[in-house]
Amino acid sequence: MPRYWAAVPSLREVVLRGGGTLEFGAIVAPQLVSFTAETGGLSPTALKSVLEAKWPRLETLKLCLAQDNYGFSSQLSDLQPIFDADGLGSVKHLGLMNSERSNT
C-alpha cells in the first residue's frame, strides 16, 4: 500500500480489508475524506501510520482493532492521540470497532 498514496493524490475514500497484515506506510492523502480499515488485528505499525497520517480533509475514520491473537498488540493508551484528535481536526465520525478490549 505505501507506494500507492503518491499515485492517487485525489483519492477521497479508502476501505481496506485484510488479516493482521495490513500495512499503510506513510499516508499522505490530501483529498481523503473517509478511511476504513477492517482487519482481524490492527498491527502497531499500521496504527502508527494512522497516527502520523497527513490527511487534512479526513471526516470519517473507522478502525477495526480486533484481537491480540490476530495482531492487535497495541495498548489502549496507544490510541490516546486519536482520543485527543491530534491531526484529526476535521474528523466528524470516529469508529474504533471490533475490539476485545472494548470494556477495559
Protein backbone atom coordinates (compact mmCIF):
# COMPACT_ATOMS: atom_id res chain seq x y z
CA MET A 1 0.00 0.00 0.00
CA PRO A 2 2.74 2.57 0.77
CA ARG A 3 3.69 3.23 -2.85
CA TYR A 4 0.11 3.93 -3.91
CA TRP A 5 -0.51 7.09 -1.87
CA ALA A 6 1.56 9.29 -4.21
CA ALA A 7 -0.11 7.74 -7.27
CA VAL A 8 -3.62 8.73 -6.16
CA PRO A 9 -3.46 12.20 -4.55
CA SER A 10 -7.13 12.91 -5.38
CA LEU A 11 -8.40 9.78 -3.63
CA ARG A 12 -11.42 10.58 -1.46
CA GLU A 13 -12.36 7.26 0.14
CA VAL A 14 -10.41 4.15 1.17
CA VAL A 15 -11.80 0.89 2.54
CA LEU A 16 -9.19 -1.77 3.23
CA ARG A 17 -9.92 -5.29 4.43
CA GLY A 18 -7.34 -7.84 5.43
CA GLY A 19 -5.91 -10.05 8.11
CA GLY A 20 -3.45 -8.82 10.68
CA THR A 21 -1.06 -7.89 7.90
CA LEU A 22 -2.44 -4.57 6.65
CA GLU A 23 0.35 -2.03 6.31
CA PHE A 24 -0.32 1.52 5.17
CA GLY A 25 3.11 3.12 5.05
CA ALA A 26 3.39 6.89 5.24
CA ILE A 27 -0.13 8.09 4.50
CA VAL A 28 -0.21 11.34 2.55
CA ALA A 29 -3.73 11.79 1.22
CA PRO A 30 -4.64 15.46 0.87
CA GLN A 31 -8.15 14.86 -0.53
CA LEU A 32 -9.14 11.81 1.53
CA VAL A 33 -12.39 12.27 3.46
CA SER A 34 -13.04 8.68 4.59
CA PHE A 35 -10.67 5.92 5.74
CA THR A 36 -11.80 2.49 6.93
CA ALA A 37 -9.51 -0.39 7.92
CA GLU A 38 -11.25 -3.72 8.57
CA THR A 39 -8.81 -6.22 9.96
CA GLY A 40 -8.65 -9.09 12.39
CA GLY A 41 -5.92 -7.25 14.27
CA LEU A 42 -4.62 -3.76 13.56
CA SER A 43 -0.83 -4.00 13.93
CA PRO A 44 1.20 -1.42 15.87
CA THR A 45 2.87 -0.44 12.58
CA ALA A 46 -0.49 0.19 10.92
CA LEU A 47 -1.69 2.16 13.95
CA LYS A 48 1.46 4.28 13.81
CA SER A 49 0.74 5.04 10.13
CA VAL A 50 -2.75 6.21 11.06
CA LEU A 51 -1.46 8.37 13.91
CA GLU A 52 1.13 10.02 11.64
CA ALA A 53 -1.11 10.36 8.57
CA LYS A 54 -1.33 13.59 6.61
CA TRP A 55 -4.99 13.83 5.66
CA PRO A 56 -6.25 17.35 6.36
CA ARG A 57 -9.76 16.76 4.95
CA LEU A 58 -10.46 13.46 6.70
CA GLU A 59 -14.02 13.43 8.10
CA THR A 60 -14.57 9.72 8.78
CA LEU A 61 -12.09 7.36 10.43
CA LYS A 62 -13.09 3.76 11.15
CA LEU A 63 -10.61 1.25 12.56
CA CYS A 64 -11.31 -2.36 13.45
CA LEU A 65 -8.84 -3.03 16.26
CA ALA A 66 -9.80 -6.68 16.82
CA GLN A 67 -7.96 -9.29 18.82
CA ASP A 68 -4.48 -9.85 20.19
CA ASN A 69 -4.18 -13.26 18.54
CA TYR A 70 -4.77 -11.62 15.14
CA GLY A 71 -2.16 -8.90 15.53
CA PHE A 72 -3.58 -6.13 17.73
CA SER A 73 -0.79 -5.89 20.26
CA SER A 74 -1.06 -2.17 20.95
CA GLN A 75 -2.25 -0.82 24.27
CA LEU A 76 -5.34 1.33 24.60
CA SER A 77 -3.03 4.16 25.67
CA ASP A 78 -1.52 3.99 22.16
CA LEU A 79 -4.87 5.30 20.90
CA GLN A 80 -4.65 8.45 23.06
CA PRO A 81 -3.64 10.69 20.12
CA ILE A 82 -6.89 9.66 18.41
CA PHE A 83 -8.89 10.44 21.54
CA ASP A 84 -7.11 13.81 21.70
CA ALA A 85 -7.87 14.38 17.99
CA ASP A 86 -4.19 15.02 17.22
CA GLY A 87 -4.06 15.59 13.47
CA LEU A 88 -7.75 14.78 13.20
CA GLY A 89 -9.22 18.27 13.37
CA SER A 90 -11.70 17.64 10.54
CA VAL A 91 -12.93 14.23 11.74
CA LYS A 92 -16.65 14.20 12.49
CA HIS A 93 -17.20 10.42 12.58
CA LEU A 94 -14.89 8.13 14.55
CA GLY A 95 -15.36 4.39 14.84
CA LEU A 96 -12.99 2.26 16.92
CA MET A 97 -14.62 -1.11 16.47
CA ASN A 98 -14.35 -4.85 16.87
CA SER A 99 -12.08 -4.86 19.90
CA GLU A 100 -11.90 -7.48 22.59
CA ARG A 101 -10.73 -4.65 24.85
CA SER A 102 -13.89 -2.59 24.48
CA ASN A 103 -14.74 -2.93 28.18
CA THR A 104 -11.30 -2.09 29.58
